[in-house]
Protein backbone atom coordinates (compact mmCIF):
# COMPACT_ATOMS: atom_id res chain seq x y z
CA MET A 1 35.90 -202.40 26.42
CA THR A 2 32.72 -204.44 25.57
CA PRO A 3 29.55 -202.29 26.60
CA VAL A 4 27.55 -203.86 29.63
CA PHE A 5 23.78 -204.19 28.89
CA TYR A 6 21.11 -204.66 31.34
CA SER A 7 17.87 -206.28 31.09
CA GLU A 8 14.66 -205.03 32.18
CA GLN A 9 14.66 -207.28 35.07
CA GLU A 10 18.12 -206.36 36.03
CA VAL A 11 17.28 -202.66 35.79
CA LEU A 12 14.42 -203.17 37.97
CA ALA A 13 16.42 -205.02 40.76
CA THR A 14 19.69 -202.42 40.22
CA VAL A 15 17.74 -199.16 40.60
CA GLY A 16 16.33 -199.24 44.03
CA ARG A 17 13.34 -197.34 43.93
CA LEU A 18 12.28 -197.85 40.42
CA ASP A 19 9.08 -200.36 39.83
CA GLN A 20 7.28 -201.35 36.81
CA ALA A 21 4.91 -198.59 36.71
CA ARG A 22 7.74 -195.86 36.93
CA LEU A 23 9.83 -197.36 34.36
CA THR A 24 6.98 -197.53 31.97
CA ARG A 25 6.27 -193.92 32.67
CA PHE A 26 9.97 -193.13 31.87
CA LEU A 27 9.95 -194.72 28.60
CA ARG A 28 6.43 -193.22 27.50
CA THR A 29 7.61 -189.63 28.48
CA GLU A 30 10.96 -190.66 26.58
CA VAL A 31 13.23 -189.33 29.26
CA ILE A 32 14.88 -193.13 29.19
CA THR A 33 15.77 -194.43 25.57
CA PRO A 34 16.91 -197.97 25.70
CA ALA A 35 19.17 -199.66 23.01
CA GLU A 36 18.67 -202.64 21.09
CA ALA A 37 21.12 -205.81 21.36
CA HIS A 38 20.50 -208.82 19.52
CA GLY A 39 17.18 -208.25 18.75
CA GLN A 40 16.25 -207.20 22.43
CA THR A 41 15.64 -203.97 24.25
CA VAL A 42 18.71 -203.27 26.60
CA TYR A 43 19.84 -200.66 29.05
CA ARG A 44 22.89 -199.13 29.59
CA GLN A 45 24.87 -197.86 32.44
CA VAL A 46 24.10 -194.35 31.35
CA ASP A 47 20.34 -195.75 31.53
CA ILE A 48 20.69 -196.70 35.05
CA ALA A 49 22.27 -193.21 36.33
CA ARG A 50 19.56 -191.68 34.68
CA MET A 51 17.08 -193.69 36.13
CA GLU A 52 18.46 -192.90 39.53
CA LEU A 53 18.35 -189.37 38.91
CA LEU A 54 14.84 -189.35 37.65
CA CYS A 55 13.76 -191.52 40.72
CA ASP A 56 15.22 -188.88 42.69
CA LEU A 57 13.30 -186.06 40.89
CA CYS A 58 10.10 -187.90 41.26
CA ASP A 59 10.17 -188.37 44.98
CA ASP A 60 12.11 -184.92 45.84
CA PHE A 61 9.95 -182.83 43.68
CA GLU A 62 6.94 -184.90 42.57
CA LEU A 63 7.43 -183.47 38.82
CA ASN A 64 4.85 -184.40 36.21
CA ASP A 65 5.76 -185.91 32.94
CA GLU A 66 5.92 -182.82 31.20
CA ALA A 67 8.25 -181.12 33.82
CA LEU A 68 10.04 -184.27 34.15
CA ALA A 69 10.83 -184.19 30.52
CA LEU A 70 11.87 -180.40 30.49
CA VAL A 71 13.92 -180.92 33.44
CA MET A 72 16.06 -183.89 31.97
CA GLN A 73 16.19 -181.97 28.43
CA LEU A 74 17.97 -179.07 30.56
CA ILE A 75 20.17 -181.55 32.16
CA ASP A 76 21.23 -183.07 28.80
CA GLN A 77 21.79 -179.54 27.44
CA LEU A 78 24.08 -178.70 30.17
CA HIS A 79 26.02 -182.17 29.94
CA GLY A 80 26.62 -181.34 26.36
CA THR A 81 27.62 -177.78 27.17
CA ARG A 82 30.10 -179.09 29.68
CA GLY A 83 31.82 -181.39 27.15
CA ASP A 84 32.25 -178.67 24.60
CA LEU A 85 33.71 -176.36 27.05
CA VAL A 86 36.14 -179.26 28.24
CA ALA A 87 36.96 -179.57 24.49
CA LEU A 88 37.49 -175.86 24.13
CA MET A 89 39.87 -175.59 27.27
CA ARG A 90 41.58 -178.98 26.19
CA ALA A 91 42.31 -177.05 22.75
CA LEU A 92 43.17 -173.56 24.43
CA GLY A 93 45.67 -175.63 26.64
CA GLU A 94 47.83 -176.55 23.40
CA GLU A 95 47.87 -172.78 22.16
CA PRO A 96 51.13 -170.53 22.32
CA GLU A 97 51.15 -168.65 25.82
CA GLU A 98 50.34 -165.29 23.80
CA VAL A 99 47.02 -166.78 22.70
CA LYS A 100 46.07 -167.93 26.05
CA ILE A 101 47.13 -164.53 27.50
CA ARG A 102 45.01 -162.60 24.85
CA VAL A 103 41.77 -165.00 25.52
CA GLN A 104 42.10 -164.58 29.31
CA GLY A 105 42.16 -160.85 28.76
CA ARG A 106 38.92 -160.91 26.46
CA LEU A 107 37.65 -162.88 29.35
CA GLY A 108 38.37 -160.20 31.72
CA ARG A 109 40.38 -162.12 33.94
């Protein structure tokens, strides 16, 4: 599947509550890190989703730059941990039944 990239103008048109000042803030605080393609700065679908979330956080909680960066760092850590847990559960699912029972016993289930 070919990745879809967005220009800055497309991002500004796509994310309803995003304006140039807010985008500049997100880039300055490095909560958005665009990619490069063909020598141009481009944004991915994940960047669009992050900007939507960032706009929600800014509007609903009026976070300053430091707090915004901290919240996004925590969200990124949680997302990574979730991925690790999914991989662990998938691996456990492939183990023999006695291993599953032993693990469940150690987890107190």
